[in-house]
Amino acid sequence: MRRRFFLDLAAMAVVASASAASALAPQASNPVLIVTGAIANPNSQDGALFDEAMLMALGTSTIRTTTPWTDGVVEFVGPTLASLLEAVGAKGTVLHAVAVNDYAIDLDAGELLRYGAMLAMKQDGKALSLRDRGPLWLVLPREQHPELMDEAHNAKWIWQLKTIEIR
């Protein structure tokens, strides 16, 4: 319990220290993600708008895991949630995430950072489209953390992600 407390504090420190991040460039094309709320680095009056190139420029990581919606182990590639929160200078601990179909969920930033959540843009080498849960899908590494294999955590896998409000 004590170890988890310190891990949560460390994850929240990453979010809090993100305010030192440099200013974002304006988005170059149609945004695929809009981040609003408690952020230090907006690039428009609407918040921090990201196109695909800007998200890829944050750097990518890979998660190989199973999901309840796919067969076998799937390889996801995209920027980490930590890199996104750092880029926008996130100052909150709750992420209000909304999908294209208006599915919305409040997520604990510390928990997602602790598990290394990512914004998947590719699945098995193919860019995610709106038709196959893209262009952004919040992904967790279930294989590395079996405690994530339950209905409560499945609800956090928000696909067709369009906005995140930092609270």
Foldseek 3Di string as FASTA:
>chain_A
DVVVVVLLVVLLVLLQVLLPADADAAEDDAFLEAEAAQFNHDHDPRGNGYHPVRFCVLPKDWAWADAPVDPDTKIFMTAWPSSVSSRRSHRAQWKFWAAPVGDTDIDGSSVSVSQGKGFGQDINRHGDDPVRQDNTWTDGRCVVPVVCPDPVNNSVGHGNIYYIYGD
